[in-house]
Amino acid sequence: LGLKDKYAEENAVCRYTDVAPEHPYARWISGAADLGMFDPAGEFRPDE
């Protein structure tokens, strides 16, 4: 979507209980949730 760099510069505000702010993909998981790609609550299972 051309938004990777935009979210790379933002602080991750994850709604998921299993995604810590320091997770390597936290910023992009947060951005994808903001855009409605994933259900924005509960567990995300980022490493599965």
All heavy atoms as atom14 arrays in JSON, in Angstrom:
{
  "sequence": "LGLKDKYAEENAVCRYTDVAPEHPYARWISGAADLGMFDPAGEFRPDE",
  "atom14_mask": [
    [1, 1, 1, 1, 1, 1, 1, 1, 0, 0, 0, 0, 0, 0],
    [1, 1, 1, 1, 0, 0, 0, 0, 0, 0, 0, 0, 0, 0],
    [1, 1, 1, 1, 1, 1, 1, 1, 0, 0, 0, 0, 0, 0],
    [1, 1, 1, 1, 1, 1, 1, 1, 1, 0, 0, 0, 0, 0],
    [1, 1, 1, 1, 1, 1, 1, 1, 0, 0, 0, 0, 0, 0],
    [1, 1, 1, 1, 1, 1, 1, 1, 1, 0, 0, 0, 0, 0],
    [1, 1, 1, 1, 1, 1, 1, 1, 1, 1, 1, 1, 0, 0],
    [1, 1, 1, 1, 1, 0, 0, 0, 0, 0, 0, 0, 0, 0],
    [1, 1, 1, 1, 1, 1, 1, 1, 1, 0, 0, 0, 0, 0],
    [1, 1, 1, 1, 1, 1, 1, 1, 1, 0, 0, 0, 0, 0],
    [1, 1, 1, 1, 1, 1, 1, 1, 0, 0, 0, 0, 0, 0],
    [1, 1, 1, 1, 1, 0, 0, 0, 0, 0, 0, 0, 0, 0],
    [1, 1, 1, 1, 1, 1, 1, 0, 0, 0, 0, 0, 0, 0],
    [1, 1, 1, 1, 1, 1, 0, 0, 0, 0, 0, 0, 0, 0],
    [1, 1, 1, 1, 1, 1, 1, 1, 1, 1, 1, 0, 0, 0],
    [1, 1, 1, 1, 1, 1, 1, 1, 1, 1, 1, 1, 0, 0],
    [1, 1, 1, 1, 1, 1, 1, 0, 0, 0, 0, 0, 0, 0],
    [1, 1, 1, 1, 1, 1, 1, 1, 0, 0, 0, 0, 0, 0],
    [1, 1, 1, 1, 1, 1, 1, 0, 0, 0, 0, 0, 0, 0],
    [1, 1, 1, 1, 1, 0, 0, 0, 0, 0, 0, 0, 0, 0],
    [1, 1, 1, 1, 1, 1, 1, 0, 0, 0, 0, 0, 0, 0],
    [1, 1, 1, 1, 1, 1, 1, 1, 1, 0, 0, 0, 0, 0],
    [1, 1, 1, 1, 1, 1, 1, 1, 1, 1, 0, 0, 0, 0],
    [1, 1, 1, 1, 1, 1, 1, 0, 0, 0, 0, 0, 0, 0],
    [1, 1, 1, 1, 1, 1, 1, 1, 1, 1, 1, 1, 0, 0],
    [1, 1, 1, 1, 1, 0, 0, 0, 0, 0, 0, 0, 0, 0],
    [1, 1, 1, 1, 1, 1, 1, 1, 1, 1, 1, 0, 0, 0],
    [1, 1, 1, 1, 1, 1, 1, 1, 1, 1, 1, 1, 1, 1],
    [1, 1, 1, 1, 1, 1, 1, 1, 0, 0, 0, 0, 0, 0],
    [1, 1, 1, 1, 1, 1, 0, 0, 0, 0, 0, 0, 0, 0],
    [1, 1, 1, 1, 0, 0, 0, 0, 0, 0, 0, 0, 0, 0],
    [1, 1, 1, 1, 1, 0, 0, 0, 0, 0, 0, 0, 0, 0],
    [1, 1, 1, 1, 1, 0, 0, 0, 0, 0, 0, 0, 0, 0],
    [1, 1, 1, 1, 1, 1, 1, 1, 0, 0, 0, 0, 0, 0],
    [1, 1, 1, 1, 1, 1, 1, 1, 0, 0, 0, 0, 0, 0],
    [1, 1, 1, 1, 0, 0, 0, 0, 0, 0, 0, 0, 0, 0],
    [1, 1, 1, 1, 1, 1, 1, 1, 0, 0, 0, 0, 0, 0],
    [1, 1, 1, 1, 1, 1, 1, 1, 1, 1, 1, 0, 0, 0],
    [1, 1, 1, 1, 1, 1, 1, 1, 0, 0, 0, 0, 0, 0],
    [1, 1, 1, 1, 1, 1, 1, 0, 0, 0, 0, 0, 0, 0],
    [1, 1, 1, 1, 1, 0, 0, 0, 0, 0, 0, 0, 0, 0],
    [1, 1, 1, 1, 0, 0, 0, 0, 0, 0, 0, 0, 0, 0],
    [1, 1, 1, 1, 1, 1, 1, 1, 1, 0, 0, 0, 0, 0],
    [1, 1, 1, 1, 1, 1, 1, 1, 1, 1, 1, 0, 0, 0],
    [1, 1, 1, 1, 1, 1, 1, 1, 1, 1, 1, 0, 0, 0],
    [1, 1, 1, 1, 1, 1, 1, 0, 0, 0, 0, 0, 0, 0],
    [1, 1, 1, 1, 1, 1, 1, 1, 0, 0, 0, 0, 0, 0],
    [1, 1, 1, 1, 1, 1, 1, 1, 1, 0, 0, 0, 0, 0]
  ],
  "atom14_positions": [
    [[0.82, -1.22, 0.0], [0.0, 0.0, 0.0], [0.85, 1.27, 0.0], [0.3, 2.37, -0.01], [-0.91, 0.01, 1.23], [-1.98, -1.08, 1.28], [-2.67, -1.09, 2.64], [-3.01, -0.89, 0.17], [0.0, 0.0, 0.0], [0.0, 0.0, 0.0], [0.0, 0.0, 0.0], [0.0, 0.0, 0.0], [0.0, 0.0, 0.0], [0.0, 0.0, 0.0]],
    [[2.17, 1.1, 0.02], [3.05, 2.27, 0.05], [3.09, 2.95, 1.4], [3.46, 4.13, 1.48], [0.0, 0.0, 0.0], [0.0, 0.0, 0.0], [0.0, 0.0, 0.0], [0.0, 0.0, 0.0], [0.0, 0.0, 0.0], [0.0, 0.0, 0.0], [0.0, 0.0, 0.0], [0.0, 0.0, 0.0], [0.0, 0.0, 0.0], [0.0, 0.0, 0.0]],
    [[2.75, 2.23, 2.47], [2.66, 2.84, 3.79], [3.69, 2.28, 4.78], [3.65, 2.63, 5.96], [1.25, 2.62, 4.37], [0.1, 3.28, 3.59], [-1.23, 2.85, 4.18], [0.24, 4.79, 3.61], [0.0, 0.0, 0.0], [0.0, 0.0, 0.0], [0.0, 0.0, 0.0], [0.0, 0.0, 0.0], [0.0, 0.0, 0.0], [0.0, 0.0, 0.0]],
    [[4.57, 1.44, 4.31], [5.54, 0.81, 5.21], [6.42, 1.86, 5.9], [6.6, 1.83, 7.12], [6.41, -0.18, 4.45], [7.48, -0.83, 5.3], [8.34, -1.79, 4.48], [9.5, -2.33, 5.31], [10.33, -3.27, 4.52], [0.0, 0.0, 0.0], [0.0, 0.0, 0.0], [0.0, 0.0, 0.0], [0.0, 0.0, 0.0], [0.0, 0.0, 0.0]],
    [[6.96, 2.79, 5.14], [7.85, 3.8, 5.72], [7.1, 4.72, 6.68], [7.65, 5.15, 7.7], [8.51, 4.62, 4.61], [9.5, 3.79, 3.8], [9.93, 2.74, 4.31], [9.82, 4.18, 2.66], [0.0, 0.0, 0.0], [0.0, 0.0, 0.0], [0.0, 0.0, 0.0], [0.0, 0.0, 0.0], [0.0, 0.0, 0.0], [0.0, 0.0, 0.0]],
    [[5.85, 5.03, 6.35], [5.05, 5.91, 7.21], [4.91, 5.3, 8.61], [5.13, 5.98, 9.61], [3.66, 6.13, 6.6], [2.71, 6.91, 7.49], [1.33, 7.0, 6.84], [0.38, 7.82, 7.69], [0.13, 7.22, 9.03], [0.0, 0.0, 0.0], [0.0, 0.0, 0.0], [0.0, 0.0, 0.0], [0.0, 0.0, 0.0], [0.0, 0.0, 0.0]],
    [[4.55, 4.04, 8.67], [4.35, 3.41, 9.96], [5.66, 3.04, 10.64], [5.7, 2.88, 11.86], [3.45, 2.18, 9.82], [1.99, 2.55, 9.69], [1.38, 2.63, 8.44], [1.23, 2.85, 10.81], [0.04, 2.98, 8.31], [-0.11, 3.21, 10.7], [-0.69, 3.27, 9.44], [-2.01, 3.64, 9.32], [0.0, 0.0, 0.0], [0.0, 0.0, 0.0]],
    [[6.74, 2.91, 9.87], [8.05, 2.63, 10.47], [8.51, 3.77, 11.35], [9.29, 3.57, 12.29], [9.07, 2.36, 9.37], [0.0, 0.0, 0.0], [0.0, 0.0, 0.0], [0.0, 0.0, 0.0], [0.0, 0.0, 0.0], [0.0, 0.0, 0.0], [0.0, 0.0, 0.0], [0.0, 0.0, 0.0], [0.0, 0.0, 0.0], [0.0, 0.0, 0.0]],
    [[8.03, 4.97, 11.05], [8.44, 6.15, 11.8], [7.55, 6.43, 13.01], [7.84, 7.33, 13.8], [8.42, 7.38, 10.87], [9.39, 7.27, 9.7], [9.21, 8.39, 8.7], [8.28, 9.2, 8.89], [9.98, 8.44, 7.73], [0.0, 0.0, 0.0], [0.0, 0.0, 0.0], [0.0, 0.0, 0.0], [0.0, 0.0, 0.0], [0.0, 0.0, 0.0]],
    [[6.48, 5.68, 13.16], [5.54, 5.92, 14.25], [5.77, 4.92, 15.39], [6.28, 3.82, 15.19], [4.1, 5.81, 13.74], [3.74, 6.87, 12.7], [2.28, 6.83, 12.33], [1.55, 6.0, 12.94], [1.87, 7.6, 11.47], [0.0, 0.0, 0.0], [0.0, 0.0, 0.0], [0.0, 0.0, 0.0], [0.0, 0.0, 0.0], [0.0, 0.0, 0.0]],
    [[5.38, 5.33, 16.56], [5.44, 4.42, 17.7], [4.29, 3.43, 17.62], [3.16, 3.79, 17.28], [5.35, 5.2, 19.02], [6.56, 6.07, 19.26], [7.67, 5.7, 18.9], [6.35, 7.22, 19.86], [0.0, 0.0, 0.0], [0.0, 0.0, 0.0], [0.0, 0.0, 0.0], [0.0, 0.0, 0.0], [0.0, 0.0, 0.0], [0.0, 0.0, 0.0]],
    [[4.62, 2.18, 17.9], [3.59, 1.14, 17.82], [2.62, 1.27, 18.97], [3.01, 1.37, 20.13], [4.25, -0.23, 17.84], [0.0, 0.0, 0.0], [0.0, 0.0, 0.0], [0.0, 0.0, 0.0], [0.0, 0.0, 0.0], [0.0, 0.0, 0.0], [0.0, 0.0, 0.0], [0.0, 0.0, 0.0], [0.0, 0.0, 0.0], [0.0, 0.0, 0.0]],
    [[1.34, 1.3, 18.64], [0.29, 1.3, 19.65], [-0.56, 0.06, 19.38], [-1.61, 0.13, 18.74], [-0.57, 2.57, 19.59], [-1.61, 2.57, 20.72], [0.3, 3.82, 19.68], [0.0, 0.0, 0.0], [0.0, 0.0, 0.0], [0.0, 0.0, 0.0], [0.0, 0.0, 0.0], [0.0, 0.0, 0.0], [0.0, 0.0, 0.0], [0.0, 0.0, 0.0]],
    [[-0.08, -1.06, 19.83], [-0.74, -2.32, 19.52], [-1.86, -2.61, 20.51], [-1.72, -2.38, 21.71], [0.26, -3.47, 19.51], [1.19, -3.56, 17.97], [0.0, 0.0, 0.0], [0.0, 0.0, 0.0], [0.0, 0.0, 0.0], [0.0, 0.0, 0.0], [0.0, 0.0, 0.0], [0.0, 0.0, 0.0], [0.0, 0.0, 0.0], [0.0, 0.0, 0.0]],
    [[-2.94, -3.12, 19.99], [-4.08, -3.49, 20.82], [-4.03, -4.97, 21.21], [-4.93, -5.47, 21.87], [-5.38, -3.22, 20.06], [-5.49, -1.83, 19.49], [-6.71, -1.74, 18.56], [-6.84, -0.43, 17.94], [-6.21, -0.07, 16.83], [-5.38, -0.92, 16.26], [-6.38, 1.12, 16.31], [0.0, 0.0, 0.0], [0.0, 0.0, 0.0], [0.0, 0.0, 0.0]],
    [[-3.01, -5.67, 20.74], [-2.95, -7.11, 20.93], [-2.16, -7.47, 22.18], [-1.09, -6.91, 22.44], [-2.33, -7.77, 19.69], [-3.08, -7.45, 18.43], [-2.59, -6.53, 17.51], [-4.3, -8.07, 18.14], [-3.28, -6.23, 16.35], [-5.0, -7.78, 16.99], [-4.49, -6.85, 16.1], [-5.18, -6.56, 14.95], [0.0, 0.0, 0.0], [0.0, 0.0, 0.0]],
    [[-2.67, -8.43, 22.9], [-2.05, -8.81, 24.17], [-0.71, -9.52, 23.98], [0.07, -9.59, 24.94], [-3.0, -9.73, 24.96], [-3.3, -10.89, 24.16], [-4.29, -9.0, 25.28], [0.0, 0.0, 0.0], [0.0, 0.0, 0.0], [0.0, 0.0, 0.0], [0.0, 0.0, 0.0], [0.0, 0.0, 0.0], [0.0, 0.0, 0.0], [0.0, 0.0, 0.0]],
    [[-0.45, -10.05, 22.8], [0.78, -10.81, 22.57], [1.77, -10.09, 21.65], [2.68, -10.71, 21.13], [0.45, -12.2, 22.01], [-0.33, -12.14, 20.7], [-0.82, -11.05, 20.35], [-0.44, -13.18, 20.03], [0.0, 0.0, 0.0], [0.0, 0.0, 0.0], [0.0, 0.0, 0.0], [0.0, 0.0, 0.0], [0.0, 0.0, 0.0], [0.0, 0.0, 0.0]],
    [[1.57, -8.79, 21.44], [2.51, -8.01, 20.61], [3.08, -6.88, 21.46], [2.42, -5.86, 21.69], [1.83, -7.43, 19.35], [2.84, -6.64, 18.51], [1.21, -8.55, 18.51], [0.0, 0.0, 0.0], [0.0, 0.0, 0.0], [0.0, 0.0, 0.0], [0.0, 0.0, 0.0], [0.0, 0.0, 0.0], [0.0, 0.0, 0.0], [0.0, 0.0, 0.0]],
    [[4.3, -7.05, 21.91], [4.97, -6.02, 22.7], [5.45, -4.9, 21.79], [5.73, -5.13, 20.61], [6.15, -6.62, 23.47], [0.0, 0.0, 0.0], [0.0, 0.0, 0.0], [0.0, 0.0, 0.0], [0.0, 0.0, 0.0], [0.0, 0.0, 0.0], [0.0, 0.0, 0.0], [0.0, 0.0, 0.0], [0.0, 0.0, 0.0], [0.0, 0.0, 0.0]],
    [[5.57, -3.66, 22.3], [6.03, -2.54, 21.46], [7.39, -2.78, 20.83], [7.68, -2.25, 19.75], [6.08, -1.37, 22.44], [5.1, -1.73, 23.51], [5.19, -3.22, 23.65], [0.0, 0.0, 0.0], [0.0, 0.0, 0.0], [0.0, 0.0, 0.0], [0.0, 0.0, 0.0], [0.0, 0.0, 0.0], [0.0, 0.0, 0.0], [0.0, 0.0, 0.0]],
    [[8.24, -3.6, 21.47], [9.58, -3.84, 20.93], [9.61, -4.99, 19.92], [10.69, -5.33, 19.41], [10.56, -4.13, 22.05], [10.24, -5.33, 22.91], [9.33, -5.01, 24.09], [8.7, -3.93, 24.08], [9.25, -5.84, 25.02], [0.0, 0.0, 0.0], [0.0, 0.0, 0.0], [0.0, 0.0, 0.0], [0.0, 0.0, 0.0], [0.0, 0.0, 0.0]],
    [[8.48, -5.62, 19.65], [8.46, -6.7, 18.65], [8.89, -6.13, 17.3], [8.49, -5.01, 16.93], [7.07, -7.3, 18.53], [7.02, -8.56, 17.73], [7.02, -8.57, 16.35], [6.99, -9.87, 18.12], [6.98, -9.82, 15.91], [6.96, -10.62, 16.97], [0.0, 0.0, 0.0], [0.0, 0.0, 0.0], [0.0, 0.0, 0.0], [0.0, 0.0, 0.0]],
    [[9.71, -6.85, 16.53], [10.23, -6.3, 15.26], [9.17, -5.89, 14.25], [9.43, -5.04, 13.39], [11.11, -7.43, 14.71], [10.72, -8.65, 15.47], [10.27, -8.18, 16.81], [0.0, 0.0, 0.0], [0.0, 0.0, 0.0], [0.0, 0.0, 0.0], [0.0, 0.0, 0.0], [0.0, 0.0, 0.0], [0.0, 0.0, 0.0], [0.0, 0.0, 0.0]],
    [[7.97, -6.46, 14.35], [6.91, -6.11, 13.4], [5.79, -5.3, 14.06], [4.73, -5.09, 13.45], [6.33, -7.37, 12.75], [7.3, -8.1, 11.87], [7.85, -9.31, 12.25], [7.69, -7.56, 10.64], [8.76, -9.98, 11.44], [8.59, -8.23, 9.82], [9.12, -9.43, 10.22], [10.01, -10.1, 9.41], [0.0, 0.0, 0.0], [0.0, 0.0, 0.0]],
    [[6.0, -4.84, 15.28], [4.92, -4.18, 16.03], [4.34, -2.99, 15.3], [3.12, -2.79, 15.29], [5.44, -3.76, 17.41], [0.0, 0.0, 0.0], [0.0, 0.0, 0.0], [0.0, 0.0, 0.0], [0.0, 0.0, 0.0], [0.0, 0.0, 0.0], [0.0, 0.0, 0.0], [0.0, 0.0, 0.0], [0.0, 0.0, 0.0], [0.0, 0.0, 0.0]],
    [[5.18, -2.14, 14.7], [4.69, -0.93, 14.03], [3.77, -1.28, 12.86], [2.74, -0.64, 12.64], [5.86, -0.08, 13.56], [6.63, 0.6, 14.68], [7.81, 1.4, 14.15], [8.47, 2.17, 15.19], [9.39, 1.67, 16.02], [9.75, 0.4, 15.9], [9.93, 2.43, 16.96], [0.0, 0.0, 0.0], [0.0, 0.0, 0.0], [0.0, 0.0, 0.0]],
    [[4.15, -2.29, 12.1], [3.37, -2.65, 10.92], [2.11, -3.42, 11.31], [1.08, -3.29, 10.65], [4.24, -3.42, 9.95], [5.37, -2.55, 9.46], [5.26, -1.4, 8.71], [6.76, -2.7, 9.73], [6.5, -0.85, 8.49], [7.44, -1.62, 9.1], [7.51, -3.64, 10.43], [8.82, -1.47, 9.16], [8.88, -3.49, 10.49], [9.53, -2.42, 9.86]],
    [[2.18, -4.19, 12.38], [0.97, -4.85, 12.88], [-0.03, -3.8, 13.34], [-1.23, -3.88, 13.04], [1.33, -5.81, 14.03], [2.16, -6.99, 13.5], [0.07, -6.3, 14.73], [2.73, -7.87, 14.59], [0.0, 0.0, 0.0], [0.0, 0.0, 0.0], [0.0, 0.0, 0.0], [0.0, 0.0, 0.0], [0.0, 0.0, 0.0], [0.0, 0.0, 0.0]],
    [[0.47, -2.78, 14.04], [-0.39, -1.69, 14.49], [-1.02, -0.96, 13.31], [-2.22, -0.67, 13.3], [0.43, -0.7, 15.34], [-0.35, 0.4, 15.73], [0.0, 0.0, 0.0], [0.0, 0.0, 0.0], [0.0, 0.0, 0.0], [0.0, 0.0, 0.0], [0.0, 0.0, 0.0], [0.0, 0.0, 0.0], [0.0, 0.0, 0.0], [0.0, 0.0, 0.0]],
    [[-0.2, -0.69, 12.28], [-0.71, 0.0, 11.09], [-1.74, -0.82, 10.35], [-2.77, -0.29, 9.91], [0.0, 0.0, 0.0], [0.0, 0.0, 0.0], [0.0, 0.0, 0.0], [0.0, 0.0, 0.0], [0.0, 0.0, 0.0], [0.0, 0.0, 0.0], [0.0, 0.0, 0.0], [0.0, 0.0, 0.0], [0.0, 0.0, 0.0], [0.0, 0.0, 0.0]],
    [[-1.49, -2.12, 10.2], [-2.44, -2.98, 9.5], [-3.76, -3.06, 10.25], [-4.84, -3.09, 9.64], [-1.84, -4.37, 9.32], [0.0, 0.0, 0.0], [0.0, 0.0, 0.0], [0.0, 0.0, 0.0], [0.0, 0.0, 0.0], [0.0, 0.0, 0.0], [0.0, 0.0, 0.0], [0.0, 0.0, 0.0], [0.0, 0.0, 0.0], [0.0, 0.0, 0.0]],
    [[-3.69, -3.07, 11.58], [-4.91, -3.09, 12.38], [-5.67, -1.77, 12.21], [-6.9, -1.75, 12.1], [-4.58, -3.34, 13.84], [0.0, 0.0, 0.0], [0.0, 0.0, 0.0], [0.0, 0.0, 0.0], [0.0, 0.0, 0.0], [0.0, 0.0, 0.0], [0.0, 0.0, 0.0], [0.0, 0.0, 0.0], [0.0, 0.0, 0.0], [0.0, 0.0, 0.0]],
    [[-4.94, -0.66, 12.17], [-5.58, 0.66, 11.98], [-6.35, 0.7, 10.66], [-7.39, 1.36, 10.56], [-4.52, 1.76, 11.98], [-3.97, 2.03, 13.37], [-4.58, 1.57, 14.35], [-2.91, 2.69, 13.47], [0.0, 0.0, 0.0], [0.0, 0.0, 0.0], [0.0, 0.0, 0.0], [0.0, 0.0, 0.0], [0.0, 0.0, 0.0], [0.0, 0.0, 0.0]],
    [[-5.83, 0.01, 9.66], [-6.45, 0.02, 8.33], [-7.54, -1.04, 8.17], [-8.12, -1.17, 7.09], [-5.37, -0.2, 7.26], [-4.32, 0.92, 7.17], [-3.2, 0.51, 6.22], [-4.95, 2.23, 6.72], [0.0, 0.0, 0.0], [0.0, 0.0, 0.0], [0.0, 0.0, 0.0], [0.0, 0.0, 0.0], [0.0, 0.0, 0.0], [0.0, 0.0, 0.0]],
    [[-7.82, -1.77, 9.23], [-8.9, -2.74, 9.2], [-8.56, -4.07, 8.57], [-9.46, -4.86, 8.25], [0.0, 0.0, 0.0], [0.0, 0.0, 0.0], [0.0, 0.0, 0.0], [0.0, 0.0, 0.0], [0.0, 0.0, 0.0], [0.0, 0.0, 0.0], [0.0, 0.0, 0.0], [0.0, 0.0, 0.0], [0.0, 0.0, 0.0], [0.0, 0.0, 0.0]],
    [[-7.27, -4.36, 8.4], [-6.88, -5.64, 7.79], [-7.07, -6.81, 8.73], [-7.28, -7.94, 8.31], [-5.42, -5.57, 7.33], [-5.17, -4.6, 6.22], [-3.43, -4.67, 5.71], [-3.38, -3.26, 4.59], [0.0, 0.0, 0.0], [0.0, 0.0, 0.0], [0.0, 0.0, 0.0], [0.0, 0.0, 0.0], [0.0, 0.0, 0.0], [0.0, 0.0, 0.0]],
    [[-6.94, -6.54, 10.03], [-7.06, -7.59, 11.03], [-8.03, -7.14, 12.12], [-8.22, -5.95, 12.33], [-5.69, -7.88, 11.68], [-4.63, -8.3, 10.71], [-3.65, -7.4, 10.3], [-4.59, -9.59, 10.21], [-2.67, -7.78, 9.41], [-3.61, -9.97, 9.31], [-2.64, -9.06, 8.91], [0.0, 0.0, 0.0], [0.0, 0.0, 0.0], [0.0, 0.0, 0.0]],
    [[-8.62, -8.11, 12.8], [-9.45, -7.79, 13.95], [-8.59, -7.06, 14.98], [-7.51, -7.55, 15.35], [-10.03, -9.06, 14.57], [-11.0, -9.76, 13.62], [-11.59, -9.06, 12.78], [-11.15, -10.98, 13.71], [0.0, 0.0, 0.0], [0.0, 0.0, 0.0], [0.0, 0.0, 0.0], [0.0, 0.0, 0.0], [0.0, 0.0, 0.0], [0.0, 0.0, 0.0]],
    [[-9.04, -5.9, 15.48], [-8.17, -5.04, 16.28], [-8.11, -5.34, 17.77], [-7.9, -4.45, 18.58], [-8.79, -3.66, 16.05], [-10.25, -3.95, 15.89], [-10.34, -5.29, 15.2], [0.0, 0.0, 0.0], [0.0, 0.0, 0.0], [0.0, 0.0, 0.0], [0.0, 0.0, 0.0], [0.0, 0.0, 0.0], [0.0, 0.0, 0.0], [0.0, 0.0, 0.0]],
    [[-8.31, -6.58, 18.16], [-8.28, -6.89, 19.59], [-7.92, -8.35, 19.8], [-7.93, -9.14, 18.86], [-9.64, -6.58, 20.23], [0.0, 0.0, 0.0], [0.0, 0.0, 0.0], [0.0, 0.0, 0.0], [0.0, 0.0, 0.0], [0.0, 0.0, 0.0], [0.0, 0.0, 0.0], [0.0, 0.0, 0.0], [0.0, 0.0, 0.0], [0.0, 0.0, 0.0]],
    [[-7.6, -8.68, 21.05], [-7.28, -10.06, 21.37], [-5.82, -10.39, 21.1], [-4.93, -9.56, 21.31], [0.0, 0.0, 0.0], [0.0, 0.0, 0.0], [0.0, 0.0, 0.0], [0.0, 0.0, 0.0], [0.0, 0.0, 0.0], [0.0, 0.0, 0.0], [0.0, 0.0, 0.0], [0.0, 0.0, 0.0], [0.0, 0.0, 0.0], [0.0, 0.0, 0.0]],
    [[-5.57, -11.59, 20.61], [-4.22, -12.02, 20.27], [-4.0, -11.95, 18.76], [-4.9, -12.22, 17.98], [-3.98, -13.46, 20.76], [-3.97, -13.6, 22.27], [-3.61, -15.01, 22.7], [-3.59, -15.91, 21.84], [-3.34, -15.2, 23.89], [0.0, 0.0, 0.0], [0.0, 0.0, 0.0], [0.0, 0.0, 0.0], [0.0, 0.0, 0.0], [0.0, 0.0, 0.0]],
    [[-2.76, -11.61, 18.4], [-2.42, -11.53, 16.98], [-1.61, -12.73, 16.5], [-1.65, -13.08, 15.35], [-1.62, -10.25, 16.71], [-1.36, -10.02, 15.24], [-2.33, -9.46, 14.42], [-0.15, -10.39, 14.67], [-2.1, -9.26, 13.07], [0.1, -10.19, 13.31], [-0.89, -9.62, 12.52], [0.0, 0.0, 0.0], [0.0, 0.0, 0.0], [0.0, 0.0, 0.0]],
    [[-0.87, -13.36, 17.39], [0.02, -14.49, 17.07], [1.04, -14.09, 16.0], [1.1, -14.67, 14.92], [-0.79, -15.7, 16.61], [-1.96, -16.06, 17.51], [-2.65, -17.35, 17.14], [-2.87, -17.53, 15.73], [-3.9, -17.01, 15.07], [-4.78, -16.24, 15.7], [-4.04, -17.23, 13.79], [0.0, 0.0, 0.0], [0.0, 0.0, 0.0], [0.0, 0.0, 0.0]],
    [[1.87, -13.08, 16.27], [2.75, -12.51, 15.25], [3.82, -13.46, 14.73], [4.29, -13.31, 13.6], [3.4, -11.32, 15.97], [3.37, -11.7, 17.41], [2.07, -12.44, 17.59], [0.0, 0.0, 0.0], [0.0, 0.0, 0.0], [0.0, 0.0, 0.0], [0.0, 0.0, 0.0], [0.0, 0.0, 0.0], [0.0, 0.0, 0.0], [0.0, 0.0, 0.0]],
    [[4.2, -14.45, 15.54], [5.28, -15.34, 15.14], [4.79, -16.66, 14.57], [5.59, -17.53, 14.22], [6.21, -15.6, 16.33], [6.82, -14.31, 16.85], [7.25, -13.48, 16.03], [6.84, -14.11, 18.09], [0.0, 0.0, 0.0], [0.0, 0.0, 0.0], [0.0, 0.0, 0.0], [0.0, 0.0, 0.0], [0.0, 0.0, 0.0], [0.0, 0.0, 0.0]],
    [[3.48, -16.81, 14.45], [2.93, -18.02, 13.82], [2.92, -17.85, 12.31], [2.81, -16.73, 11.8], [1.51, -18.28, 14.32], [1.44, -18.76, 15.74], [0.04, -19.18, 16.13], [-0.82, -19.33, 15.22], [-0.21, -19.36, 17.33], [0.0, 0.0, 0.0], [0.0, 0.0, 0.0], [0.0, 0.0, 0.0], [0.0, 0.0, 0.0], [0.0, 0.0, 0.0]]
  ]
}
